[in-house]
PDB file of N, CA and C in Angstrom:
ATOM      1  N   UNK A   1      73.980 110.269  99.067  1.00  0.00           N
ATOM      2  CA  UNK A   1      75.124 110.914  98.475  1.00  0.00           C
ATOM      3  C   UNK A   1      75.432 110.260  97.136  1.00  0.00           C
ATOM      4  N   UNK A   2      75.901 111.047  96.196  1.00  0.00           N
ATOM      5  CA  UNK A   2      76.177 110.506  94.857  1.00  0.00           C
ATOM      6  C   UNK A   2      77.500 109.740  94.791  1.00  0.00           C
ATOM      7  N   UNK A   3      77.575 108.855  93.809  1.00  0.00           N
ATOM      8  CA  UNK A   3      78.796 108.090  93.555  1.00  0.00           C
ATOM      9  C   UNK A   3      79.649 108.848  92.537  1.00  0.00           C
ATOM     10  N   UNK A   4      80.946 108.790  92.735  1.00  0.00           N
ATOM     11  CA  UNK A   4      81.873 109.414  91.799  1.00  0.00           C
ATOM     12  C   UNK A   4      82.961 108.422  91.424  1.00  0.00           C
ATOM     13  N   UNK A   5      83.400 108.484  90.179  1.00  0.00           N
ATOM     14  CA  UNK A   5      84.491 107.660  89.689  1.00  0.00           C
ATOM     15  C   UNK A   5      85.717 108.550  89.532  1.00  0.00           C
ATOM     16  N   UNK A   6      86.861 108.038  89.980  1.00  0.00           N
ATOM     17  CA  UNK A   6      88.109 108.776  89.872  1.00  0.00           C
ATOM     18  C   UNK A   6      89.159 107.899  89.206  1.00  0.00           C
ATOM     19  N   UNK A   7      90.118 108.568  88.540  1.00  0.00           N
ATOM     20  CA  UNK A   7      91.244 107.865  87.930  1.00  0.00           C
ATOM     21  C   UNK A   7      92.514 108.634  88.281  1.00  0.00           C
ATOM     22  N   UNK A   8      93.531 107.892  88.694  1.00  0.00           N
ATOM     23  CA  UNK A   8      94.814 108.496  89.037  1.00  0.00           C
ATOM     24  C   UNK A   8      95.619 108.707  87.757  1.00  0.00           C
ATOM     25  N   UNK A   9      96.173 109.902  87.596  1.00  0.00           N
ATOM     26  CA  UNK A   9      96.992 110.207  86.413  1.00  0.00           C
ATOM     27  C   UNK A   9      98.320 109.459  86.445  1.00  0.00           C
ATOM     28  N   UNK A  10      98.807 109.153  87.645  1.00  0.00           N
ATOM     29  CA  UNK A  10     100.118 108.521  87.772  1.00  0.00           C
ATOM     30  C   UNK A  10     100.037 106.997  87.646  1.00  0.00           C
ATOM     31  N   UNK A  11      99.259 106.346  88.528  1.00  0.00           N
ATOM     32  CA  UNK A  11      99.215 104.873  88.529  1.00  0.00           C
ATOM     33  C   UNK A  11      98.067 104.314  87.688  1.00  0.00           C
ATOM     34  N   UNK A  12      97.201 105.187  87.186  1.00  0.00           N
ATOM     35  CA  UNK A  12      96.062 104.845  86.335  1.00  0.00           C
ATOM     36  C   UNK A  12      95.057 103.927  87.019  1.00  0.00           C
ATOM     37  N   UNK A  13      95.062 103.894  88.343  1.00  0.00           N
ATOM     38  CA  UNK A  13      94.068 103.135  89.095  1.00  0.00           C
ATOM     39  C   UNK A  13      92.734 103.872  89.031  1.00  0.00           C
ATOM     40  N   UNK A  14      91.645 103.148  88.867  1.00  0.00           N
ATOM     41  CA  UNK A  14      90.316 103.755  88.889  1.00  0.00           C
ATOM     42  C   UNK A  14      89.547 103.174  90.064  1.00  0.00           C
ATOM     43  N   UNK A  15      88.731 104.024  90.684  1.00  0.00           N
ATOM     44  CA  UNK A  15      87.922 103.562  91.800  1.00  0.00           C
ATOM     45  C   UNK A  15      86.667 104.411  91.896  1.00  0.00           C
ATOM     46  N   UNK A  16      85.704 103.874  92.613  1.00  0.00           N
ATOM     47  CA  UNK A  16      84.415 104.539  92.799  1.00  0.00           C
ATOM     48  C   UNK A  16      84.271 104.875  94.279  1.00  0.00           C
ATOM     49  N   UNK A  17      83.771 106.055  94.567  1.00  0.00           N
ATOM     50  CA  UNK A  17      83.585 106.468  95.953  1.00  0.00           C
ATOM     51  C   UNK A  17      82.304 107.274  96.093  1.00  0.00           C
ATOM     52  N   UNK A  18      81.848 107.396  97.317  1.00  0.00           N
ATOM     53  CA  UNK A  18      80.628 108.144  97.612  1.00  0.00           C
ATOM     54  C   UNK A  18      81.003 109.310  98.520  1.00  0.00           C
ATOM     55  N   UNK A  19      80.616 110.515  98.110  1.00  0.00           N
ATOM     56  CA  UNK A  19      80.834 111.691  98.956  1.00  0.00           C
ATOM     57  C   UNK A  19      79.874 112.791  98.535  1.00  0.00           C
ATOM     58  N   UNK A  20      79.867 113.882  99.290  1.00  0.00           N
ATOM     59  CA  UNK A  20      78.938 114.974  98.999  1.00  0.00           C
ATOM     60  C   UNK A  20      79.317 115.663  97.685  1.00  0.00           C
ATOM     61  N   UNK A  21      78.363 116.389  97.134  1.00  0.00           N
ATOM     62  CA  UNK A  21      78.581 117.053  95.859  1.00  0.00           C
ATOM     63  C   UNK A  21      79.640 118.152  95.955  1.00  0.00           C
ATOM     64  N   UNK A  22      79.763 118.771  97.107  1.00  0.00           N
ATOM     65  CA  UNK A  22      80.713 119.876  97.263  1.00  0.00           C
ATOM     66  C   UNK A  22      82.146 119.389  97.481  1.00  0.00           C
ATOM     67  N   UNK A  23      82.306 118.133  97.823  1.00  0.00           N
ATOM     68  CA  UNK A  23      83.629 117.571  98.083  1.00  0.00           C
ATOM     69  C   UNK A  23      84.259 117.066  96.788  1.00  0.00           C
ATOM     70  N   UNK A  24      85.580 117.140  96.687  1.00  0.00           N
ATOM     71  CA  UNK A  24      86.295 116.600  95.536  1.00  0.00           C
ATOM     72  C   UNK A  24      87.609 116.019  96.037  1.00  0.00           C
ATOM     73  N   UNK A  25      87.913 114.797  95.647  1.00  0.00           N
ATOM     74  CA  UNK A  25      89.155 114.150  96.071  1.00  0.00           C
ATOM     75  C   UNK A  25      90.306 114.605  95.182  1.00  0.00           C
ATOM     76  N   UNK A  26      91.504 114.692  95.767  1.00  0.00           N
ATOM     77  CA  UNK A  26      92.687 115.132  95.025  1.00  0.00           C
ATOM     78  C   UNK A  26      93.828 114.132  95.092  1.00  0.00           C
ATOM     79  N   UNK A  27      93.902 113.345  96.184  1.00  0.00           N
ATOM     80  CA  UNK A  27      95.022 112.441  96.407  1.00  0.00           C
ATOM     81  C   UNK A  27      94.619 110.996  96.148  1.00  0.00           C
ATOM     82  N   UNK A  28      95.461 110.272  95.423  1.00  0.00           N
ATOM     83  CA  UNK A  28      95.198 108.875  95.078  1.00  0.00           C
ATOM     84  C   UNK A  28      95.273 108.013  96.333  1.00  0.00           C
ATOM     85  N   UNK A  29      94.313 107.106  96.486  1.00  0.00           N
ATOM     86  CA  UNK A  29      94.296 106.233  97.660  1.00  0.00           C
ATOM     87  C   UNK A  29      95.229 105.029  97.488  1.00  0.00           C
ATOM     88  N   UNK A  30      95.642 104.741  96.248  1.00  0.00           N
ATOM     89  CA  UNK A  30      96.515 103.591  96.009  1.00  0.00           C
ATOM     90  C   UNK A  30      97.992 103.990  96.077  1.00  0.00           C
ATOM     91  N   UNK A  31      98.387 104.960  95.249  1.00  0.00           N
ATOM     92  CA  UNK A  31      99.801 105.356  95.215  1.00  0.00           C
ATOM     93  C   UNK A  31     100.086 106.572  96.085  1.00  0.00           C
ATOM     94  N   UNK A  32      99.028 107.181  96.661  1.00  0.00           N
ATOM     95  CA  UNK A  32      99.114 108.318  97.576  1.00  0.00           C
ATOM     96  C   UNK A  32      99.778 109.547  96.956  1.00  0.00           C
ATOM     97  N   UNK A  33      99.682 109.692  95.627  1.00  0.00           N
ATOM     98  CA  UNK A  33     100.213 110.866  94.954  1.00  0.00           C
ATOM     99  C   UNK A  33      99.248 112.024  95.149  1.00  0.00           C
ATOM    100  N   UNK A  34      99.781 113.165  95.517  1.00  0.00           N
ATOM    101  CA  UNK A  34      98.957 114.339  95.791  1.00  0.00           C
ATOM    102  C   UNK A  34      98.553 115.034  94.490  1.00  0.00           C
ATOM    103  N   UNK A  35      97.279 115.361  94.373  1.00  0.00           N
ATOM    104  CA  UNK A  35      96.770 116.112  93.222  1.00  0.00           C
ATOM    105  C   UNK A  35      96.735 115.341  91.916  1.00  0.00           C
ATOM    106  N   UNK A  36      96.689 114.017  91.983  1.00  0.00           N
ATOM    107  CA  UNK A  36      96.767 113.216  90.760  1.00  0.00           C
ATOM    108  C   UNK A  36      95.423 112.662  90.287  1.00  0.00           C
ATOM    109  N   UNK A  37      94.336 112.961  91.013  1.00  0.00           N
ATOM    110  CA  UNK A  37      93.054 112.355  90.657  1.00  0.00           C
ATOM    111  C   UNK A  37      92.269 113.190  89.659  1.00  0.00           C
ATOM    112  N   UNK A  38      91.609 112.485  88.768  1.00  0.00           N
ATOM    113  CA  UNK A  38      90.742 113.082  87.764  1.00  0.00           C
ATOM    114  C   UNK A  38      89.360 112.479  87.949  1.00  0.00           C
ATOM    115  N   UNK A  39      88.336 113.317  88.089  1.00  0.00           N
ATOM    116  CA  UNK A  39      86.973 112.797  88.240  1.00  0.00           C
ATOM    117  C   UNK A  39      86.464 112.392  86.863  1.00  0.00           C
ATOM    118  N   UNK A  40      85.991 111.162  86.772  1.00  0.00           N
ATOM    119  CA  UNK A  40      85.472 110.623  85.516  1.00  0.00           C
ATOM    120  C   UNK A  40      83.953 110.709  85.549  1.00  0.00           C
ATOM    121  N   UNK A  41      83.337 111.271  84.512  1.00  0.00           N
ATOM    122  CA  UNK A  41      81.875 111.341  84.505  1.00  0.00           C
ATOM    123  C   UNK A  41      81.254 109.948  84.505  1.00  0.00           C
ATOM    124  N   UNK A  42      80.170 109.816  85.240  1.00  0.00           N
ATOM    125  CA  UNK A  42      79.449 108.546  85.276  1.00  0.00           C
ATOM    126  C   UNK A  42      78.665 108.371  83.988  1.00  0.00           C
ATOM    127  N   UNK A  43      78.607 107.154  83.529  1.00  0.00           N
ATOM    128  CA  UNK A  43      77.855 106.856  82.318  1.00  0.00           C
ATOM    129  C   UNK A  43      76.537 106.190  82.691  1.00  0.00           C
ATOM    130  N   UNK A  44      75.481 106.680  82.131  1.00  0.00           N
ATOM    131  CA  UNK A  44      74.180 106.076  82.356  1.00  0.00           C
ATOM    132  C   UNK A  44      73.837 105.242  81.133  1.00  0.00           C
ATOM    133  N   UNK A  45      73.465 104.026  81.384  1.00  0.00           N
ATOM    134  CA  UNK A  45      73.148 103.113  80.298  1.00  0.00           C
ATOM    135  C   UNK A  45      71.653 102.841  80.318  1.00  0.00           C
ATOM    136  N   UNK A  46      71.049 102.993  79.176  1.00  0.00           N
ATOM    137  CA  UNK A  46      69.636 102.661  79.060  1.00  0.00           C
ATOM    138  C   UNK A  46      69.500 101.612  77.970  1.00  0.00           C
ATOM    139  N   UNK A  47      68.537 100.774  78.152  1.00  0.00           N
ATOM    140  CA  UNK A  47      68.309  99.716  77.188  1.00  0.00           C
ATOM    141  C   UNK A  47      66.826  99.697  76.862  1.00  0.00           C
ATOM    142  N   UNK A  48      66.519  99.752  75.603  1.00  0.00           N
ATOM    143  CA  UNK A  48      65.128  99.730  75.196  1.00  0.00           C
ATOM    144  C   UNK A  48      64.819  98.393  74.544  1.00  0.00           C
ATOM    145  N   UNK A  49      63.701  97.857  74.943  1.00  0.00           N
ATOM    146  CA  UNK A  49      63.239  96.628  74.320  1.00  0.00           C
ATOM    147  C   UNK A  49      62.249  96.994  73.225  1.00  0.00           C
ATOM    148  N   UNK A  50      62.382  96.322  72.121  1.00  0.00           N
ATOM    149  CA  UNK A  50      61.411  96.520  71.059  1.00  0.00           C
ATOM    150  C   UNK A  50      60.365  95.414  71.194  1.00  0.00           C
ATOM    151  N   UNK A  51      59.156  95.825  71.422  1.00  0.00           N
ATOM    152  CA  UNK A  51      58.076  94.860  71.535  1.00  0.00           C
ATOM    153  C   UNK A  51      56.932  95.265  70.632  1.00  0.00           C
ATOM    154  N   UNK A  52      56.172  94.301  70.264  1.00  0.00           N
ATOM    155  CA  UNK A  52      54.989  94.569  69.450  1.00  0.00           C
ATOM    156  C   UNK A  52      53.781  94.851  70.318  1.00  0.00           C
ATOM    157  N   UNK A  53      53.883  94.500  71.592  1.00  0.00           N
ATOM    158  CA  UNK A  53      52.767  94.733  72.498  1.00  0.00           C
ATOM    159  C   UNK A  53      52.716  96.204  72.888  1.00  0.00           C
ATOM    160  N   UNK A  54      51.533  96.714  72.986  1.00  0.00           N
ATOM    161  CA  UNK A  54      51.354  98.078  73.461  1.00  0.00           C
ATOM    162  C   UNK A  54      51.113  98.010  74.955  1.00  0.00           C
ATOM    163  N   UNK A  55      51.859  98.818  75.698  1.00  0.00           N
ATOM    164  CA  UNK A  55      51.708  98.865  77.139  1.00  0.00           C
ATOM    165  C   UNK A  55      51.219 100.251  77.535  1.00  0.00           C
ATOM    166  N   UNK A  56      50.503 100.277  78.616  1.00  0.00           N
ATOM    167  CA  UNK A  56      50.096 101.562  79.146  1.00  0.00           C
ATOM    168  C   UNK A  56      51.305 102.229  79.763  1.00  0.00           C
ATOM    169  N   UNK A  57      51.428 103.529  79.560  1.00  0.00           N
ATOM    170  CA  UNK A  57      52.577 104.261  80.073  1.00  0.00           C
ATOM    171  C   UNK A  57      52.659 104.151  81.589  1.00  0.00           C
ATOM    172  N   UNK A  58      51.558 104.221  82.266  1.00  0.00           N
ATOM    173  CA  UNK A  58      51.547 104.137  83.723  1.00  0.00           C
ATOM    174  C   UNK A  58      52.167 102.854  84.235  1.00  0.00           C
ATOM    175  N   UNK A  59      51.918 101.730  83.567  1.00  0.00           N
ATOM    176  CA  UNK A  59      52.469 100.460  84.028  1.00  0.00           C
ATOM    177  C   UNK A  59      53.983 100.412  83.821  1.00  0.00           C
ATOM    178  N   UNK A  60      54.463 101.030  82.764  1.00  0.00           N
ATOM    179  CA  UNK A  60      55.903 101.083  82.509  1.00  0.00           C
ATOM    180  C   UNK A  60      56.590 101.929  83.584  1.00  0.00           C
ATOM    181  N   UNK A  61      55.986 103.056  83.928  1.00  0.00           N
ATOM    182  CA  UNK A  61      56.536 103.940  84.961  1.00  0.00           C
ATOM    183  C   UNK A  61      56.537 103.236  86.313  1.00  0.00           C
ATOM    184  N   UNK A  62      55.454 102.572  86.660  1.00  0.00           N
ATOM    185  CA  UNK A  62      55.386 101.849  87.926  1.00  0.00           C
ATOM    186  C   UNK A  62      56.456 100.765  88.007  1.00  0.00           C
ATOM    187  N   UNK A  63      56.670 100.048  86.928  1.00  0.00           N
ATOM    188  CA  UNK A  63      57.690  98.999  86.882  1.00  0.00           C
ATOM    189  C   UNK A  63      59.080  99.610  87.062  1.00  0.00           C
ATOM    190  N   UNK A  64      59.337 100.730  86.401  1.00  0.00           N
ATOM    191  CA  UNK A  64      60.640 101.397  86.524  1.00  0.00           C
ATOM    192  C   UNK A  64      60.880 101.875  87.943  1.00  0.00           C
ATOM    193  N   UNK A  65      59.876 102.469  88.556  1.00  0.00           N
ATOM    194  CA  UNK A  65      59.997 102.946  89.935  1.00  0.00           C
ATOM    195  C   UNK A  65      60.280 101.777  90.870  1.00  0.00           C
ATOM    196  N   UNK A  66      59.593 100.676  90.665  1.00  0.00           N
ATOM    197  CA  UNK A  66      59.809  99.490  91.487  1.00  0.00           C
ATOM    198  C   UNK A  66      61.243  98.972  91.328  1.00  0.00           C
ATOM    199  N   UNK A  67      61.727  98.926  90.101  1.00  0.00           N
ATOM    200  CA  UNK A  67      63.102  98.473  89.842  1.00  0.00           C
ATOM    201  C   UNK A  67      64.121  99.396  90.507  1.00  0.00           C
ATOM    202  N   UNK A  68      63.904 100.708  90.414  1.00  0.00           N
ATOM    203  CA  UNK A  68      64.820 101.669  91.020  1.00  0.00           C
ATOM    204  C   UNK A  68      64.825 101.551  92.536  1.00  0.00           C
ATOM    205  N   UNK A  69      63.666 101.299  93.121  1.00  0.00           N
ATOM    206  CA  UNK A  69      63.589 101.124  94.580  1.00  0.00           C
ATOM    207  C   UNK A  69      64.396  99.910  95.016  1.00  0.00           C
ATOM    208  N   UNK A  70      64.283  98.819  94.274  1.00  0.00           N
ATOM    209  CA  UNK A  70      65.036  97.612  94.599  1.00  0.00           C
ATOM    210  C   UNK A  70      66.541  97.868  94.480  1.00  0.00           C
ATOM    211  N   UNK A  71      66.943  98.568  93.432  1.00  0.00           N
ATOM    212  CA  UNK A  71      68.362  98.889  93.255  1.00  0.00           C
ATOM    213  C   UNK A  71      68.855  99.775  94.394  1.00  0.00           C
ATOM    214  N   UNK A  72      68.034 100.722  94.824  1.00  0.00           N
ATOM    215  CA  UNK A  72      68.390 101.609  95.921  1.00  0.00           C
ATOM    216  C   UNK A  72      68.544 100.830  97.228  1.00  0.00           C
ATOM    217  N   UNK A  73      67.653  99.878  97.466  1.00  0.00           N
ATOM    218  CA  UNK A  73      67.748  99.042  98.670  1.00  0.00           C
ATOM    219  C   UNK A  73      69.066  98.274  98.676  1.00  0.00           C
ATOM    220  N   UNK A  74      69.456  97.736  97.525  1.00  0.00           N
ATOM    221  CA  UNK A  74      70.703  96.992  97.424  1.00  0.00           C
ATOM    222  C   UNK A  74      71.903  97.893  97.677  1.00  0.00           C
ATOM    223  N   UNK A  75      71.868  99.123  97.140  1.00  0.00           N
ATOM    224  CA  UNK A  75      72.962 100.059  97.359  1.00  0.00           C
ATOM    225  C   UNK A  75      73.062 100.440  98.833  1.00  0.00           C
ATOM    226  N   UNK A  76      71.917 100.684  99.480  1.00  0.00           N
ATOM    227  CA  UNK A  76      71.915 101.032 100.900  1.00  0.00           C
ATOM    228  C   UNK A  76      72.475  99.880 101.730  1.00  0.00           C
ATOM    229  N   UNK A  77      72.081  98.661 101.376  1.00  0.00           N
ATOM    230  CA  UNK A  77      72.558  97.492 102.098  1.00  0.00           C
ATOM    231  C   UNK A  77      74.079  97.389 101.958  1.00  0.00           C
ATOM    232  N   UNK A  78      74.578  97.611 100.761  1.00  0.00           N
ATOM    233  CA  UNK A  78      76.024  97.564 100.528  1.00  0.00           C
ATOM    234  C   UNK A  78      76.769  98.640 101.298  1.00  0.00           C
ATOM    235  N   UNK A  79      76.174  99.830 101.370  1.00  0.00           N
ATOM    236  CA  UNK A  79      76.825 100.920 102.103  1.00  0.00           C
ATOM    237  C   UNK A  79      76.823 100.669 103.604  1.00  0.00           C
ATOM    238  N   UNK A  80      75.761 100.046 104.120  1.00  0.00           N
ATOM    239  CA  UNK A  80      75.709  99.733 105.535  1.00  0.00           C
ATOM    240  C   UNK A  80      76.774  98.711 105.913  1.00  0.00           C
ATOM    241  N   UNK A  81      77.084  97.815 104.998  1.00  0.00           N
ATOM    242  CA  UNK A  81      78.063  96.775 105.252  1.00  0.00           C
ATOM    243  C   UNK A  81      79.497  97.248 105.027  1.00  0.00           C
ATOM    244  N   UNK A  82      79.666  98.423 104.393  1.00  0.00           N
ATOM    245  CA  UNK A  82      80.989  98.947 104.098  1.00  0.00           C
ATOM    246  C   UNK A  82      81.583  99.549 105.363  1.00  0.00           C
ATOM    247  N   UNK A  83      82.849  99.232 105.594  1.00  0.00           N
ATOM    248  CA  UNK A  83      83.550  99.772 106.754  1.00  0.00           C
ATOM    249  C   UNK A  83      84.364 100.978 106.301  1.00  0.00           C
ATOM    250  N   UNK A  84      84.117 102.113 106.935  1.00  0.00           N
ATOM    251  CA  UNK A  84      84.809 103.350 106.574  1.00  0.00           C
ATOM    252  C   UNK A  84      85.918 103.639 107.566  1.00  0.00           C
ATOM    253  N   UNK A  85      86.942 104.296 107.073  1.00  0.00           N
ATOM    254  CA  UNK A  85      88.086 104.659 107.923  1.00  0.00           C
ATOM    255  C   UNK A  85      87.789 105.943 108.652  1.00  0.00           C
TER     256      UNK A  85
END
């Protein structure tokens, strides 16, 4: 399931949550104001290294896939440890 960022219009609290794409939250979990949440678009950050070495494209892709798999494992581990109401 994807992660979503929300911000309350009233108390200005921001938080991140995981839910299905069809679901949308409306009530703030901190101040409990109804209809006060605004979904904030997620920002993707990319960083490019400038190198003089030429690399094969396949090795760069394999490295990226490996990094993403490790990040996914960490996210899954965190979600398993999270206690839901």
